[in-house]
Amino acid sequence: MKTDALRPDHAAILEWVRPGCSVLDLGCGSGELLELLVKQRRARAQGVEIDEQAIYQCVARGLSVFHEDIDNGLTGYGEKSFDYVILNESLQQVRRLDDVLAAAGEAVWAAGPLNKGSNLCHGTGGNGYAFLKLYQRTGDANWLQRARAFAMHGIAQTEADAQEYGQMRYSLWTGDPGLAIYLWDCLRGRADFPTLDVFFGAPVA
């Protein structure tokens, strides 16, 4: 898949999203990213947008979009409705940020751990950091409990993979070191995601 001519954020999202998966794009705008996901990743894509003119542009692209204000919450989406929920350029525009973040966390919990593995990239550990971030922001112990539930599932995934392949995986993003970092943060109740939080955040105690 060629991503050289794409916007960097779109290229990164296309790399993350698995082919043939289901995607909900919150605040999808005119549908540029949504169209890329449909055409290049064969995604079953659904958009949510508040601006009527942007919705008309999405419809002209042949995209499925609902007219809804994400500040008022999302309705009509059951458990495991989507593999990915994207807030690419909309998060900084919402008025009730904490409500939207909590709803996103609930969506991650409803979807459950990913089947692909325990790693940070495309895996249970990476998704689990959403709960740690919410715990760090709100102090609500329920988010920490959910993060630790994902951690236990990640351990089981790692053990199953090691038994199947006869070895551990040693890269940070797609291997077991990433899960180890996630487990450590679950024990400490911290959310020091490798890269930005570690290298540019507050000093680690």
Protein backbone atom coordinates (compact mmCIF):
# COMPACT_ATOMS: atom_id res chain seq x y z
CA MET A 1 0.00 0.00 0.00
CA LYS A 2 1.46 3.35 -1.11
CA THR A 3 1.19 6.06 1.52
CA ASP A 4 3.92 8.48 0.33
CA ALA A 5 1.49 11.03 -1.15
CA LEU A 6 -0.93 10.94 1.78
CA ARG A 7 -1.14 13.24 4.77
CA PRO A 8 1.06 11.81 7.53
CA ASP A 9 -1.86 11.24 9.90
CA HIS A 10 -3.90 9.46 7.23
CA ALA A 11 -0.91 7.32 6.26
CA ALA A 12 -0.36 6.30 9.88
CA ILE A 13 -4.02 5.37 10.38
CA LEU A 14 -4.04 3.32 7.16
CA GLU A 15 -1.02 1.39 8.46
CA TRP A 16 -2.74 0.68 11.78
CA VAL A 17 -6.12 -0.44 10.46
CA ARG A 18 -6.38 -4.08 9.43
CA PRO A 19 -7.87 -4.88 6.01
CA GLY A 20 -11.55 -5.78 6.01
CA CYS A 21 -12.27 -4.47 9.51
CA SER A 22 -15.10 -2.24 10.70
CA VAL A 23 -14.39 1.42 11.47
CA LEU A 24 -16.38 4.25 13.08
CA ASP A 25 -14.95 7.70 12.29
CA LEU A 26 -16.25 10.31 14.73
CA GLY A 27 -16.22 13.78 13.25
CA CYS A 28 -15.40 12.44 9.80
CA GLY A 29 -15.67 15.81 8.03
CA SER A 30 -15.96 15.57 4.25
CA GLY A 31 -15.00 11.89 4.36
CA GLU A 32 -11.45 12.02 2.98
CA LEU A 33 -10.06 9.55 5.52
CA LEU A 34 -13.21 7.43 5.47
CA GLU A 35 -12.95 7.06 1.69
CA LEU A 36 -9.30 6.01 1.96
CA LEU A 37 -10.21 3.35 4.53
CA VAL A 38 -12.93 1.96 2.25
CA LYS A 39 -10.81 1.95 -0.91
CA GLN A 40 -7.39 1.00 0.44
CA ARG A 41 -8.25 -1.15 3.47
CA ARG A 42 -11.64 -2.50 2.30
CA ALA A 43 -13.04 -1.29 5.62
CA ARG A 44 -16.70 -1.45 6.53
CA ALA A 45 -16.75 2.22 7.42
CA GLN A 46 -19.32 4.42 9.12
CA GLY A 47 -18.94 8.15 9.76
CA VAL A 48 -20.52 10.51 12.28
CA GLU A 49 -20.57 14.22 11.49
CA ILE A 50 -22.48 17.29 12.71
CA ASP A 51 -21.86 19.62 9.74
CA GLU A 52 -24.54 19.16 7.07
CA GLN A 53 -22.40 20.42 4.19
CA ALA A 54 -19.68 17.94 5.12
CA ILE A 55 -22.29 15.18 5.20
CA TYR A 56 -23.37 16.08 1.65
CA GLN A 57 -19.74 15.72 0.55
CA CYS A 58 -19.55 12.31 2.22
CA VAL A 59 -22.72 11.17 0.47
CA ALA A 60 -21.26 12.36 -2.85
CA ARG A 61 -18.29 10.08 -2.15
CA GLY A 62 -20.69 7.17 -1.62
CA LEU A 63 -20.01 6.98 2.12
CA SER A 64 -22.35 6.07 4.97
CA VAL A 65 -22.57 8.93 7.48
CA PHE A 66 -24.92 9.70 10.37
CA HIS A 67 -25.84 13.26 11.36
CA GLU A 68 -25.02 13.34 15.07
CA ASP A 69 -23.30 15.53 17.67
CA ILE A 70 -20.70 13.47 19.52
CA ASP A 71 -20.84 15.97 22.40
CA ASN A 72 -24.26 14.52 23.18
CA GLY A 73 -22.97 10.96 23.27
CA LEU A 74 -23.49 8.11 20.84
CA THR A 75 -26.63 6.04 20.55
CA GLY A 76 -27.52 2.86 18.72
CA TYR A 77 -24.12 1.19 18.86
CA GLY A 78 -24.04 -2.17 20.63
CA GLU A 79 -21.09 -4.14 21.96
CA LYS A 80 -18.43 -5.10 19.42
CA SER A 81 -20.05 -2.87 16.79
CA PHE A 82 -16.69 -1.70 15.41
CA ASP A 83 -13.08 -2.88 15.39
CA TYR A 84 -11.77 0.72 15.41
CA VAL A 85 -13.18 4.03 16.59
CA ILE A 86 -11.29 7.04 15.20
CA LEU A 87 -11.25 10.65 16.42
CA ASN A 88 -8.63 12.03 14.09
CA GLU A 89 -9.31 15.77 13.94
CA SER A 90 -12.39 16.06 16.11
CA LEU A 91 -11.12 15.51 19.66
CA GLN A 92 -9.78 19.06 20.04
CA GLN A 93 -13.12 20.50 18.91
CA VAL A 94 -15.50 18.80 21.34
CA ARG A 95 -16.91 20.85 24.22
CA ARG A 96 -17.48 18.00 26.68
CA LEU A 97 -14.09 16.37 26.36
CA ASP A 98 -14.27 14.16 29.45
CA ASP A 99 -17.62 12.73 28.38
CA VAL A 100 -16.26 11.91 24.92
CA LEU A 101 -13.11 10.32 26.37
CA ALA A 102 -15.22 8.22 28.75
CA ALA A 103 -17.46 7.12 25.87
CA ALA A 104 -14.37 6.14 23.88
CA GLY A 105 -13.12 4.12 26.86
CA GLU A 106 -16.48 2.39 27.12
CA ALA A 107 -16.23 1.54 23.41
CA VAL A 108 -12.82 -0.07 23.97
CA TRP A 109 -14.19 -2.08 26.90
CA ALA A 110 -17.27 -3.17 24.92
CA ALA A 111 -15.11 -4.27 21.99
CA GLY A 112 -12.89 -6.35 24.27
CA PRO A 113 -9.21 -7.28 23.81
CA LEU A 114 -7.91 -7.63 20.29
CA ASN A 115 -7.38 -11.13 18.94
CA LYS A 116 -4.15 -10.23 17.14
CA GLY A 117 -1.95 -10.36 20.22
CA SER A 118 -0.86 -8.69 23.43
CA ASN A 119 1.50 -6.09 21.95
CA LEU A 120 1.32 -2.30 21.96
CA CYS A 121 0.86 -2.02 18.19
CA HIS A 122 -2.49 -3.53 17.12
CA GLY A 123 -2.75 -5.41 20.42
CA THR A 124 -4.29 -5.71 23.86
CA GLY A 125 -1.57 -3.71 25.61
CA GLY A 126 -1.92 -0.74 23.29
CA ASN A 127 -5.69 -0.65 23.72
CA GLY A 128 -5.38 -1.09 27.47
CA TYR A 129 -3.47 2.17 27.75
CA ALA A 130 -6.77 3.93 27.03
CA PHE A 131 -7.98 2.75 30.44
CA LEU A 132 -4.75 3.80 32.16
CA LYS A 133 -5.00 7.26 30.60
CA LEU A 134 -8.60 7.57 31.80
CA TYR A 135 -7.60 6.44 35.29
CA GLN A 136 -4.78 8.99 35.33
CA ARG A 137 -7.18 11.74 34.20
CA THR A 138 -10.19 10.93 36.39
CA GLY A 139 -8.92 8.93 39.36
CA ASP A 140 -11.79 6.47 38.80
CA ALA A 141 -10.54 3.06 39.97
CA ASN A 142 -12.89 1.32 37.54
CA TRP A 143 -10.60 2.28 34.67
CA LEU A 144 -7.58 0.82 36.46
CA GLN A 145 -9.52 -2.39 37.08
CA ARG A 146 -10.34 -2.63 33.39
CA ALA A 147 -6.71 -1.98 32.44
CA ARG A 148 -5.63 -4.84 34.71
CA ALA A 149 -8.30 -7.13 33.21
CA PHE A 150 -6.81 -6.46 29.78
CA ALA A 151 -3.37 -7.11 31.27
CA MET A 152 -4.39 -10.57 32.46
CA HIS A 153 -5.78 -11.35 29.01
CA GLY A 154 -2.52 -10.08 27.46
CA ILE A 155 -0.49 -12.44 29.66
CA ALA A 156 -2.62 -15.36 28.48
CA GLN A 157 -2.13 -14.29 24.86
CA THR A 158 1.65 -14.07 25.32
CA GLU A 159 1.84 -17.51 26.90
CA ALA A 160 -0.28 -19.02 24.13
CA ASP A 161 1.87 -17.42 21.42
CA ALA A 162 5.10 -18.58 23.08
CA GLN A 163 3.77 -22.12 23.21
CA GLU A 164 2.62 -22.03 19.59
CA TYR A 165 5.78 -20.49 18.10
CA GLY A 166 8.36 -21.85 20.55
CA GLN A 167 9.83 -18.46 21.41
CA MET A 168 9.11 -15.00 22.78
CA ARG A 169 8.96 -11.86 20.64
CA TYR A 170 11.57 -9.21 21.37
CA SER A 171 10.50 -5.95 19.68
CA LEU A 172 8.98 -3.07 21.62
CA TRP A 173 5.91 -2.48 19.46
CA THR A 174 4.96 -5.93 18.22
CA GLY A 175 6.57 -8.06 20.89
CA ASP A 176 6.63 -8.88 24.56
CA PRO A 177 8.71 -5.95 25.91
CA GLY A 178 5.78 -3.64 25.13
CA LEU A 179 3.41 -5.84 27.13
CA ALA A 180 5.92 -5.91 30.00
CA ILE A 181 5.89 -2.10 30.10
CA TYR A 182 2.10 -2.12 30.09
CA LEU A 183 2.02 -4.62 32.96
CA TRP A 184 4.41 -2.46 34.96
CA ASP A 185 2.21 0.58 34.44
CA CYS A 186 -0.85 -1.45 35.50
CA LEU A 187 0.89 -2.36 38.75
CA ARG A 188 1.87 1.27 39.39
CA GLY A 189 -1.37 2.82 38.17
CA ARG A 190 0.60 4.94 35.71
CA ALA A 191 0.12 5.64 32.00
CA ASP A 192 3.65 6.25 30.73
CA PHE A 193 3.17 5.07 27.16
CA PRO A 194 6.56 4.45 25.50
CA THR A 195 7.77 7.38 23.34
CA LEU A 196 5.97 10.69 24.03
CA ASP A 197 5.05 10.10 27.67
CA VAL A 198 8.51 8.75 28.51
CA PHE A 199 10.80 10.98 26.48
CA PHE A 200 8.84 14.25 26.57
CA GLY A 201 6.60 13.90 29.60
CA ALA A 202 7.19 14.48 33.29
CA PRO A 203 10.13 12.64 34.88
CA VAL A 204 9.28 9.05 35.84
CA ALA A 205 9.36 8.47 39.58
